[in-house]
Amino acid sequence: GPESGETLHTQFDDIDDYDNYSTT
């Protein structure tokens, strides 16, 4: 999942940051 401070998907820097990511 996202690390501390990565609240927006534009801040994600690795694959597993997208774990449990939801958007419309």
mmCIF file of all heavy atoms, coordinates in Angstrom:
data_MODEL
# 
_entry.id   MODEL 
# 
loop_
_atom_site.group_PDB 
_atom_site.id 
_atom_site.type_symbol 
_atom_site.label_atom_id 
_atom_site.label_alt_id 
_atom_site.label_comp_id 
_atom_site.label_asym_id 
_atom_site.label_entity_id 
_atom_site.label_seq_id 
_atom_site.pdbx_PDB_ins_code 
_atom_site.Cartn_x 
_atom_site.Cartn_y 
_atom_site.Cartn_z 
_atom_site.occupancy 
_atom_site.B_iso_or_equiv 
_atom_site.pdbx_formal_charge 
_atom_site.auth_seq_id 
_atom_site.auth_comp_id 
_atom_site.auth_asym_id 
_atom_site.auth_atom_id 
_atom_site.pdbx_PDB_model_num 
ATOM 1   N N   . GLY A 1 1  ? 0.838   -1.187 0.000   1.00 0.00 ? 1  GLY A N   1 
ATOM 2   C CA  . GLY A 1 1  ? 0.000   0.000  0.000   1.00 0.00 ? 1  GLY A CA  1 
ATOM 3   C C   . GLY A 1 1  ? 0.872   1.235  0.000   1.00 0.00 ? 1  GLY A C   1 
ATOM 4   O O   . GLY A 1 1  ? 2.097   1.151  0.033   1.00 0.00 ? 1  GLY A O   1 
ATOM 5   N N   . PRO A 1 2  ? 0.259   2.411  -0.029  1.00 0.00 ? 2  PRO A N   1 
ATOM 6   C CA  . PRO A 1 2  ? 1.061   3.637  -0.073  1.00 0.00 ? 2  PRO A CA  1 
ATOM 7   C C   . PRO A 1 2  ? 1.835   3.866  1.218   1.00 0.00 ? 2  PRO A C   1 
ATOM 8   O O   . PRO A 1 2  ? 1.377   3.505  2.302   1.00 0.00 ? 2  PRO A O   1 
ATOM 9   C CB  . PRO A 1 2  ? 0.024   4.741  -0.300  1.00 0.00 ? 2  PRO A CB  1 
ATOM 10  C CG  . PRO A 1 2  ? -1.297  4.143  0.019   1.00 0.00 ? 2  PRO A CG  1 
ATOM 11  C CD  . PRO A 1 2  ? -1.175  2.666  -0.088  1.00 0.00 ? 2  PRO A CD  1 
ATOM 12  N N   . GLU A 1 3  ? 3.006   4.453  1.061   1.00 0.00 ? 3  GLU A N   1 
ATOM 13  C CA  . GLU A 1 3  ? 3.813   4.792  2.223   1.00 0.00 ? 3  GLU A CA  1 
ATOM 14  C C   . GLU A 1 3  ? 3.294   6.096  2.824   1.00 0.00 ? 3  GLU A C   1 
ATOM 15  O O   . GLU A 1 3  ? 2.470   6.790  2.229   1.00 0.00 ? 3  GLU A O   1 
ATOM 16  C CB  . GLU A 1 3  ? 5.300   4.951  1.832   1.00 0.00 ? 3  GLU A CB  1 
ATOM 17  C CG  . GLU A 1 3  ? 6.001   3.648  1.522   1.00 0.00 ? 3  GLU A CG  1 
ATOM 18  C CD  . GLU A 1 3  ? 5.691   3.135  0.126   1.00 0.00 ? 3  GLU A CD  1 
ATOM 19  O OE1 . GLU A 1 3  ? 5.475   3.935  -0.805  1.00 0.00 ? 3  GLU A OE1 1 
ATOM 20  O OE2 . GLU A 1 3  ? 5.633   1.901  -0.032  1.00 0.00 ? 3  GLU A OE2 1 
ATOM 21  N N   . SER A 1 4  ? 3.796   6.431  3.974   1.00 0.00 ? 4  SER A N   1 
ATOM 22  C CA  . SER A 1 4  ? 3.407   7.652  4.667   1.00 0.00 ? 4  SER A CA  1 
ATOM 23  C C   . SER A 1 4  ? 3.645   8.861  3.763   1.00 0.00 ? 4  SER A C   1 
ATOM 24  O O   . SER A 1 4  ? 4.696   8.996  3.148   1.00 0.00 ? 4  SER A O   1 
ATOM 25  C CB  . SER A 1 4  ? 4.224   7.789  5.954   1.00 0.00 ? 4  SER A CB  1 
ATOM 26  O OG  . SER A 1 4  ? 3.916   8.994  6.588   1.00 0.00 ? 4  SER A OG  1 
ATOM 27  N N   . GLY A 1 5  ? 2.653   9.728  3.652   1.00 0.00 ? 5  GLY A N   1 
ATOM 28  C CA  . GLY A 1 5  ? 2.767   10.929 2.831   1.00 0.00 ? 5  GLY A CA  1 
ATOM 29  C C   . GLY A 1 5  ? 2.276   10.757 1.409   1.00 0.00 ? 5  GLY A C   1 
ATOM 30  O O   . GLY A 1 5  ? 2.140   11.728 0.676   1.00 0.00 ? 5  GLY A O   1 
ATOM 31  N N   . GLU A 1 6  ? 2.031   9.511  0.981   1.00 0.00 ? 6  GLU A N   1 
ATOM 32  C CA  . GLU A 1 6  ? 1.526   9.264  -0.368  1.00 0.00 ? 6  GLU A CA  1 
ATOM 33  C C   . GLU A 1 6  ? 0.004   9.144  -0.309  1.00 0.00 ? 6  GLU A C   1 
ATOM 34  O O   . GLU A 1 6  ? -0.548  8.067  -0.153  1.00 0.00 ? 6  GLU A O   1 
ATOM 35  C CB  . GLU A 1 6  ? 2.148   7.986  -0.952  1.00 0.00 ? 6  GLU A CB  1 
ATOM 36  C CG  . GLU A 1 6  ? 3.641   8.093  -1.147  1.00 0.00 ? 6  GLU A CG  1 
ATOM 37  C CD  . GLU A 1 6  ? 4.258   6.797  -1.654  1.00 0.00 ? 6  GLU A CD  1 
ATOM 38  O OE1 . GLU A 1 6  ? 3.638   5.721  -1.520  1.00 0.00 ? 6  GLU A OE1 1 
ATOM 39  O OE2 . GLU A 1 6  ? 5.374   6.868  -2.176  1.00 0.00 ? 6  GLU A OE2 1 
ATOM 40  N N   . THR A 1 7  ? -0.656  10.280 -0.422  1.00 0.00 ? 7  THR A N   1 
ATOM 41  C CA  . THR A 1 7  ? -2.115  10.289 -0.305  1.00 0.00 ? 7  THR A CA  1 
ATOM 42  C C   . THR A 1 7  ? -2.802  10.361 -1.659  1.00 0.00 ? 7  THR A C   1 
ATOM 43  O O   . THR A 1 7  ? -3.934  9.931  -1.798  1.00 0.00 ? 7  THR A O   1 
ATOM 44  C CB  . THR A 1 7  ? -2.580  11.482 0.556   1.00 0.00 ? 7  THR A CB  1 
ATOM 45  O OG1 . THR A 1 7  ? -2.044  12.684 0.000   1.00 0.00 ? 7  THR A OG1 1 
ATOM 46  C CG2 . THR A 1 7  ? -2.099  11.322 1.991   1.00 0.00 ? 7  THR A CG2 1 
ATOM 47  N N   . LEU A 1 8  ? -2.129  10.885 -2.671  1.00 0.00 ? 8  LEU A N   1 
ATOM 48  C CA  . LEU A 1 8  ? -2.675  10.974 -4.026  1.00 0.00 ? 8  LEU A CA  1 
ATOM 49  C C   . LEU A 1 8  ? -1.957  9.994  -4.939  1.00 0.00 ? 8  LEU A C   1 
ATOM 50  O O   . LEU A 1 8  ? -0.768  9.732  -4.763  1.00 0.00 ? 8  LEU A O   1 
ATOM 51  C CB  . LEU A 1 8  ? -2.504  12.394 -4.577  1.00 0.00 ? 8  LEU A CB  1 
ATOM 52  C CG  . LEU A 1 8  ? -3.112  13.521 -3.756  1.00 0.00 ? 8  LEU A CG  1 
ATOM 53  C CD1 . LEU A 1 8  ? -2.695  14.867 -4.318  1.00 0.00 ? 8  LEU A CD1 1 
ATOM 54  C CD2 . LEU A 1 8  ? -4.632  13.386 -3.742  1.00 0.00 ? 8  LEU A CD2 1 
ATOM 55  N N   . HIS A 1 9  ? -2.668  9.480  -5.926  1.00 0.00 ? 9  HIS A N   1 
ATOM 56  C CA  . HIS A 1 9  ? -2.036  8.498  -6.816  1.00 0.00 ? 9  HIS A CA  1 
ATOM 57  C C   . HIS A 1 9  ? -0.895  9.123  -7.613  1.00 0.00 ? 9  HIS A C   1 
ATOM 58  O O   . HIS A 1 9  ? -0.002  8.421  -8.073  1.00 0.00 ? 9  HIS A O   1 
ATOM 59  C CB  . HIS A 1 9  ? -3.060  7.824  -7.719  1.00 0.00 ? 9  HIS A CB  1 
ATOM 60  C CG  . HIS A 1 9  ? -3.512  8.653  -8.871  1.00 0.00 ? 9  HIS A CG  1 
ATOM 61  N ND1 . HIS A 1 9  ? -2.961  8.545  -10.113 1.00 0.00 ? 9  HIS A ND1 1 
ATOM 62  C CD2 . HIS A 1 9  ? -4.460  9.614  -8.955  1.00 0.00 ? 9  HIS A CD2 1 
ATOM 63  C CE1 . HIS A 1 9  ? -3.551  9.396  -10.928 1.00 0.00 ? 9  HIS A CE1 1 
ATOM 64  N NE2 . HIS A 1 9  ? -4.462  10.054 -10.239 1.00 0.00 ? 9  HIS A NE2 1 
ATOM 65  N N   . THR A 1 10 ? -0.884  10.426 -7.770  1.00 0.00 ? 10 THR A N   1 
ATOM 66  C CA  . THR A 1 10 ? 0.234   11.081 -8.462  1.00 0.00 ? 10 THR A CA  1 
ATOM 67  C C   . THR A 1 10 ? 1.512   11.054 -7.628  1.00 0.00 ? 10 THR A C   1 
ATOM 68  O O   . THR A 1 10 ? 2.590   11.288 -8.151  1.00 0.00 ? 10 THR A O   1 
ATOM 69  C CB  . THR A 1 10 ? -0.135  12.536 -8.802  1.00 0.00 ? 10 THR A CB  1 
ATOM 70  O OG1 . THR A 1 10 ? -0.538  13.205 -7.606  1.00 0.00 ? 10 THR A OG1 1 
ATOM 71  C CG2 . THR A 1 10 ? -1.252  12.589 -9.822  1.00 0.00 ? 10 THR A CG2 1 
ATOM 72  N N   . GLN A 1 11 ? 1.388   10.739 -6.343  1.00 0.00 ? 11 GLN A N   1 
ATOM 73  C CA  . GLN A 1 11 ? 2.554   10.636 -5.458  1.00 0.00 ? 11 GLN A CA  1 
ATOM 74  C C   . GLN A 1 11 ? 3.076   9.204  -5.355  1.00 0.00 ? 11 GLN A C   1 
ATOM 75  O O   . GLN A 1 11 ? 4.138   8.977  -4.788  1.00 0.00 ? 11 GLN A O   1 
ATOM 76  C CB  . GLN A 1 11 ? 2.188   11.138 -4.053  1.00 0.00 ? 11 GLN A CB  1 
ATOM 77  C CG  . GLN A 1 11 ? 1.770   12.593 -4.020  1.00 0.00 ? 11 GLN A CG  1 
ATOM 78  C CD  . GLN A 1 11 ? 1.176   12.977 -2.674  1.00 0.00 ? 11 GLN A CD  1 
ATOM 79  O OE1 . GLN A 1 11 ? 0.479   12.194 -2.045  1.00 0.00 ? 11 GLN A OE1 1 
ATOM 80  N NE2 . GLN A 1 11 ? 1.450   14.203 -2.253  1.00 0.00 ? 11 GLN A NE2 1 
ATOM 81  N N   . PHE A 1 12 ? 2.344   8.228  -5.894  1.00 0.00 ? 12 PHE A N   1 
ATOM 82  C CA  . PHE A 1 12 ? 2.766   6.840  -5.807  1.00 0.00 ? 12 PHE A CA  1 
ATOM 83  C C   . PHE A 1 12 ? 4.046   6.647  -6.613  1.00 0.00 ? 12 PHE A C   1 
ATOM 84  O O   . PHE A 1 12 ? 4.149   7.109  -7.751  1.00 0.00 ? 12 PHE A O   1 
ATOM 85  C CB  . PHE A 1 12 ? 1.683   5.900  -6.329  1.00 0.00 ? 12 PHE A CB  1 
ATOM 86  C CG  . PHE A 1 12 ? 0.420   5.887  -5.503  1.00 0.00 ? 12 PHE A CG  1 
ATOM 87  C CD1 . PHE A 1 12 ? -0.730  5.289  -6.011  1.00 0.00 ? 12 PHE A CD1 1 
ATOM 88  C CD2 . PHE A 1 12 ? 0.347   6.450  -4.240  1.00 0.00 ? 12 PHE A CD2 1 
ATOM 89  C CE1 . PHE A 1 12 ? -1.903  5.246  -5.263  1.00 0.00 ? 12 PHE A CE1 1 
ATOM 90  C CE2 . PHE A 1 12 ? -0.810  6.420  -3.495  1.00 0.00 ? 12 PHE A CE2 1 
ATOM 91  C CZ  . PHE A 1 12 ? -1.940  5.814  -4.011  1.00 0.00 ? 12 PHE A CZ  1 
ATOM 92  N N   . ASP A 1 13 ? 5.022   5.940  -6.024  1.00 0.00 ? 13 ASP A N   1 
ATOM 93  C CA  . ASP A 1 13 ? 6.289   5.737  -6.712  1.00 0.00 ? 13 ASP A CA  1 
ATOM 94  C C   . ASP A 1 13 ? 6.632   4.265  -6.950  1.00 0.00 ? 13 ASP A C   1 
ATOM 95  O O   . ASP A 1 13 ? 7.631   3.953  -7.575  1.00 0.00 ? 13 ASP A O   1 
ATOM 96  C CB  . ASP A 1 13 ? 7.428   6.436  -5.968  1.00 0.00 ? 13 ASP A CB  1 
ATOM 97  C CG  . ASP A 1 13 ? 7.535   6.004  -4.509  1.00 0.00 ? 13 ASP A CG  1 
ATOM 98  O OD1 . ASP A 1 13 ? 6.760   5.129  -4.083  1.00 0.00 ? 13 ASP A OD1 1 
ATOM 99  O OD2 . ASP A 1 13 ? 8.384   6.560  -3.796  1.00 0.00 ? 13 ASP A OD2 1 
ATOM 100 N N   . ASP A 1 14 ? 5.808   3.358  -6.444  1.00 0.00 ? 14 ASP A N   1 
ATOM 101 C CA  . ASP A 1 14 ? 6.039   1.936  -6.718  1.00 0.00 ? 14 ASP A CA  1 
ATOM 102 C C   . ASP A 1 14 ? 4.704   1.217  -6.868  1.00 0.00 ? 14 ASP A C   1 
ATOM 103 O O   . ASP A 1 14 ? 3.652   1.750  -6.524  1.00 0.00 ? 14 ASP A O   1 
ATOM 104 C CB  . ASP A 1 14 ? 6.918   1.290  -5.640  1.00 0.00 ? 14 ASP A CB  1 
ATOM 105 C CG  . ASP A 1 14 ? 6.270   1.274  -4.275  1.00 0.00 ? 14 ASP A CG  1 
ATOM 106 O OD1 . ASP A 1 14 ? 6.201   2.336  -3.627  1.00 0.00 ? 14 ASP A OD1 1 
ATOM 107 O OD2 . ASP A 1 14 ? 5.822   0.194  -3.865  1.00 0.00 ? 14 ASP A OD2 1 
ATOM 108 N N   . ILE A 1 15 ? 4.765   0.009  -7.383  1.00 0.00 ? 15 ILE A N   1 
ATOM 109 C CA  . ILE A 1 15 ? 3.568   -0.747 -7.753  1.00 0.00 ? 15 ILE A CA  1 
ATOM 110 C C   . ILE A 1 15 ? 2.626   -0.966 -6.577  1.00 0.00 ? 15 ILE A C   1 
ATOM 111 O O   . ILE A 1 15 ? 1.417   -0.746 -6.691  1.00 0.00 ? 15 ILE A O   1 
ATOM 112 C CB  . ILE A 1 15 ? 3.974   -2.104 -8.379  1.00 0.00 ? 15 ILE A CB  1 
ATOM 113 C CG1 . ILE A 1 15 ? 4.650   -1.878 -9.721  1.00 0.00 ? 15 ILE A CG1 1 
ATOM 114 C CG2 . ILE A 1 15 ? 2.774   -3.025 -8.537  1.00 0.00 ? 15 ILE A CG2 1 
ATOM 115 C CD1 . ILE A 1 15 ? 5.299   -3.110 -10.304 1.00 0.00 ? 15 ILE A CD1 1 
ATOM 116 N N   . ASP A 1 16 ? 3.156   -1.405 -5.444  1.00 0.00 ? 16 ASP A N   1 
ATOM 117 C CA  . ASP A 1 16 ? 2.259   -1.786 -4.355  1.00 0.00 ? 16 ASP A CA  1 
ATOM 118 C C   . ASP A 1 16 ? 1.574   -0.595 -3.687  1.00 0.00 ? 16 ASP A C   1 
ATOM 119 O O   . ASP A 1 16 ? 0.674   -0.777 -2.884  1.00 0.00 ? 16 ASP A O   1 
ATOM 120 C CB  . ASP A 1 16 ? 2.970   -2.663 -3.319  1.00 0.00 ? 16 ASP A CB  1 
ATOM 121 C CG  . ASP A 1 16 ? 4.084   -1.952 -2.597  1.00 0.00 ? 16 ASP A CG  1 
ATOM 122 O OD1 . ASP A 1 16 ? 3.790   -1.097 -1.751  1.00 0.00 ? 16 ASP A OD1 1 
ATOM 123 O OD2 . ASP A 1 16 ? 5.240   -2.266 -2.895  1.00 0.00 ? 16 ASP A OD2 1 
ATOM 124 N N   . ASP A 1 17 ? 1.959   0.634  -4.049  1.00 0.00 ? 17 ASP A N   1 
ATOM 125 C CA  . ASP A 1 17 ? 1.236   1.806  -3.534  1.00 0.00 ? 17 ASP A CA  1 
ATOM 126 C C   . ASP A 1 17 ? -0.221  1.801  -4.008  1.00 0.00 ? 17 ASP A C   1 
ATOM 127 O O   . ASP A 1 17 ? -1.079  2.423  -3.399  1.00 0.00 ? 17 ASP A O   1 
ATOM 128 C CB  . ASP A 1 17 ? 1.906   3.107  -3.989  1.00 0.00 ? 17 ASP A CB  1 
ATOM 129 C CG  . ASP A 1 17 ? 3.252   3.327  -3.328  1.00 0.00 ? 17 ASP A CG  1 
ATOM 130 O OD1 . ASP A 1 17 ? 3.554   2.638  -2.338  1.00 0.00 ? 17 ASP A OD1 1 
ATOM 131 O OD2 . ASP A 1 17 ? 4.001   4.198  -3.804  1.00 0.00 ? 17 ASP A OD2 1 
ATOM 132 N N   . TYR A 1 18 ? -0.487  1.094  -5.096  1.00 0.00 ? 18 TYR A N   1 
ATOM 133 C CA  . TYR A 1 18 ? -1.833  1.025  -5.650  1.00 0.00 ? 18 TYR A CA  1 
ATOM 134 C C   . TYR A 1 18 ? -2.714  -0.029 -4.973  1.00 0.00 ? 18 TYR A C   1 
ATOM 135 O O   . TYR A 1 18 ? -3.851  -0.222 -5.378  1.00 0.00 ? 18 TYR A O   1 
ATOM 136 C CB  . TYR A 1 18 ? -1.778  0.757  -7.157  1.00 0.00 ? 18 TYR A CB  1 
ATOM 137 C CG  . TYR A 1 18 ? -1.312  1.956  -7.947  1.00 0.00 ? 18 TYR A CG  1 
ATOM 138 C CD1 . TYR A 1 18 ? 0.044   2.188  -8.163  1.00 0.00 ? 18 TYR A CD1 1 
ATOM 139 C CD2 . TYR A 1 18 ? -2.218  2.866  -8.465  1.00 0.00 ? 18 TYR A CD2 1 
ATOM 140 C CE1 . TYR A 1 18 ? 0.473   3.285  -8.878  1.00 0.00 ? 18 TYR A CE1 1 
ATOM 141 C CE2 . TYR A 1 18 ? -1.795  3.966  -9.188  1.00 0.00 ? 18 TYR A CE2 1 
ATOM 142 C CZ  . TYR A 1 18 ? -0.450  4.167  -9.390  1.00 0.00 ? 18 TYR A CZ  1 
ATOM 143 O OH  . TYR A 1 18 ? -0.029  5.272  -10.090 1.00 0.00 ? 18 TYR A OH  1 
ATOM 144 N N   . ASP A 1 19 ? -2.195  -0.707 -3.954  1.00 0.00 ? 19 ASP A N   1 
ATOM 145 C CA  . ASP A 1 19 ? -3.015  -1.690 -3.249  1.00 0.00 ? 19 ASP A CA  1 
ATOM 146 C C   . ASP A 1 19 ? -4.164  -0.973 -2.537  1.00 0.00 ? 19 ASP A C   1 
ATOM 147 O O   . ASP A 1 19 ? -3.954  -0.011 -1.800  1.00 0.00 ? 19 ASP A O   1 
ATOM 148 C CB  . ASP A 1 19 ? -2.175  -2.473 -2.238  1.00 0.00 ? 19 ASP A CB  1 
ATOM 149 C CG  . ASP A 1 19 ? -2.936  -3.647 -1.657  1.00 0.00 ? 19 ASP A CG  1 
ATOM 150 O OD1 . ASP A 1 19 ? -3.681  -4.296 -2.410  1.00 0.00 ? 19 ASP A OD1 1 
ATOM 151 O OD2 . ASP A 1 19 ? -2.784  -3.903 -0.451  1.00 0.00 ? 19 ASP A OD2 1 
ATOM 152 N N   . ASN A 1 20 ? -5.382  -1.418 -2.799  1.00 0.00 ? 20 ASN A N   1 
ATOM 153 C CA  . ASN A 1 20 ? -6.620  -0.833 -2.253  1.00 0.00 ? 20 ASN A CA  1 
ATOM 154 C C   . ASN A 1 20 ? -6.859  0.604  -2.712  1.00 0.00 ? 20 ASN A C   1 
ATOM 155 O O   . ASN A 1 20 ? -7.516  1.379  -2.021  1.00 0.00 ? 20 ASN A O   1 
ATOM 156 C CB  . ASN A 1 20 ? -6.657  -0.912 -0.726  1.00 0.00 ? 20 ASN A CB  1 
ATOM 157 C CG  . ASN A 1 20 ? -6.833  -2.336 -0.265  1.00 0.00 ? 20 ASN A CG  1 
ATOM 158 O OD1 . ASN A 1 20 ? -7.590  -3.100 -0.859  1.00 0.00 ? 20 ASN A OD1 1 
ATOM 159 N ND2 . ASN A 1 20 ? -6.126  -2.706 0.780   1.00 0.00 ? 20 ASN A ND2 1 
ATOM 160 N N   . TYR A 1 21 ? -6.375  0.952  -3.883  1.00 0.00 ? 21 TYR A N   1 
ATOM 161 C CA  . TYR A 1 21 ? -6.615  2.260  -4.472  1.00 0.00 ? 21 TYR A CA  1 
ATOM 162 C C   . TYR A 1 21 ? -7.969  2.236  -5.178  1.00 0.00 ? 21 TYR A C   1 
ATOM 163 O O   . TYR A 1 21 ? -8.291  1.298  -5.905  1.00 0.00 ? 21 TYR A O   1 
ATOM 164 C CB  . TYR A 1 21 ? -5.499  2.604  -5.457  1.00 0.00 ? 21 TYR A CB  1 
ATOM 165 C CG  . TYR A 1 21 ? -5.757  3.809  -6.324  1.00 0.00 ? 21 TYR A CG  1 
ATOM 166 C CD1 . TYR A 1 21 ? -5.787  5.091  -5.780  1.00 0.00 ? 21 TYR A CD1 1 
ATOM 167 C CD2 . TYR A 1 21 ? -5.969  3.670  -7.690  1.00 0.00 ? 21 TYR A CD2 1 
ATOM 168 C CE1 . TYR A 1 21 ? -6.023  6.197  -6.578  1.00 0.00 ? 21 TYR A CE1 1 
ATOM 169 C CE2 . TYR A 1 21 ? -6.197  4.762  -8.492  1.00 0.00 ? 21 TYR A CE2 1 
ATOM 170 C CZ  . TYR A 1 21 ? -6.226  6.029  -7.935  1.00 0.00 ? 21 TYR A CZ  1 
ATOM 171 O OH  . TYR A 1 21 ? -6.470  7.123  -8.735  1.00 0.00 ? 21 TYR A OH  1 
ATOM 172 N N   . SER A 1 22 ? -8.771  3.251  -4.957  1.00 0.00 ? 22 SER A N   1 
ATOM 173 C CA  . SER A 1 22 ? -10.080 3.366  -5.609  1.00 0.00 ? 22 SER A CA  1 
ATOM 174 C C   . SER A 1 22 ? -10.234 4.758  -6.189  1.00 0.00 ? 22 SER A C   1 
ATOM 175 O O   . SER A 1 22 ? -9.782  5.740  -5.592  1.00 0.00 ? 22 SER A O   1 
ATOM 176 C CB  . SER A 1 22 ? -11.217 3.112  -4.620  1.00 0.00 ? 22 SER A CB  1 
ATOM 177 O OG  . SER A 1 22 ? -11.207 1.781  -4.180  1.00 0.00 ? 22 SER A OG  1 
ATOM 178 N N   . THR A 1 23 ? -10.868 4.834  -7.331  1.00 0.00 ? 23 THR A N   1 
ATOM 179 C CA  . THR A 1 23 ? -11.158 6.114  -7.965  1.00 0.00 ? 23 THR A CA  1 
ATOM 180 C C   . THR A 1 23 ? -12.375 5.959  -8.865  1.00 0.00 ? 23 THR A C   1 
ATOM 181 O O   . THR A 1 23 ? -12.824 4.848  -9.134  1.00 0.00 ? 23 THR A O   1 
ATOM 182 C CB  . THR A 1 23 ? -9.940  6.624  -8.769  1.00 0.00 ? 23 THR A CB  1 
ATOM 183 O OG1 . THR A 1 23 ? -10.190 7.970  -9.191  1.00 0.00 ? 23 THR A OG1 1 
ATOM 184 C CG2 . THR A 1 23 ? -9.657  5.756  -9.985  1.00 0.00 ? 23 THR A CG2 1 
ATOM 185 N N   . THR A 1 24 ? -12.901 7.079  -9.298  1.00 0.00 ? 24 THR A N   1 
ATOM 186 C CA  . THR A 1 24 ? -14.023 7.097  -10.237 1.00 0.00 ? 24 THR A CA  1 
ATOM 187 C C   . THR A 1 24 ? -13.613 7.947  -11.425 1.00 0.00 ? 24 THR A C   1 
ATOM 188 O O   . THR A 1 24 ? -13.121 9.061  -11.258 1.00 0.00 ? 24 THR A O   1 
ATOM 189 C CB  . THR A 1 24 ? -15.284 7.674  -9.582  1.00 0.00 ? 24 THR A CB  1 
ATOM 190 O OG1 . THR A 1 24 ? -15.634 6.851  -8.467  1.00 0.00 ? 24 THR A OG1 1 
ATOM 191 C CG2 . THR A 1 24 ? -16.446 7.705  -10.552 1.00 0.00 ? 24 THR A CG2 1 
# 
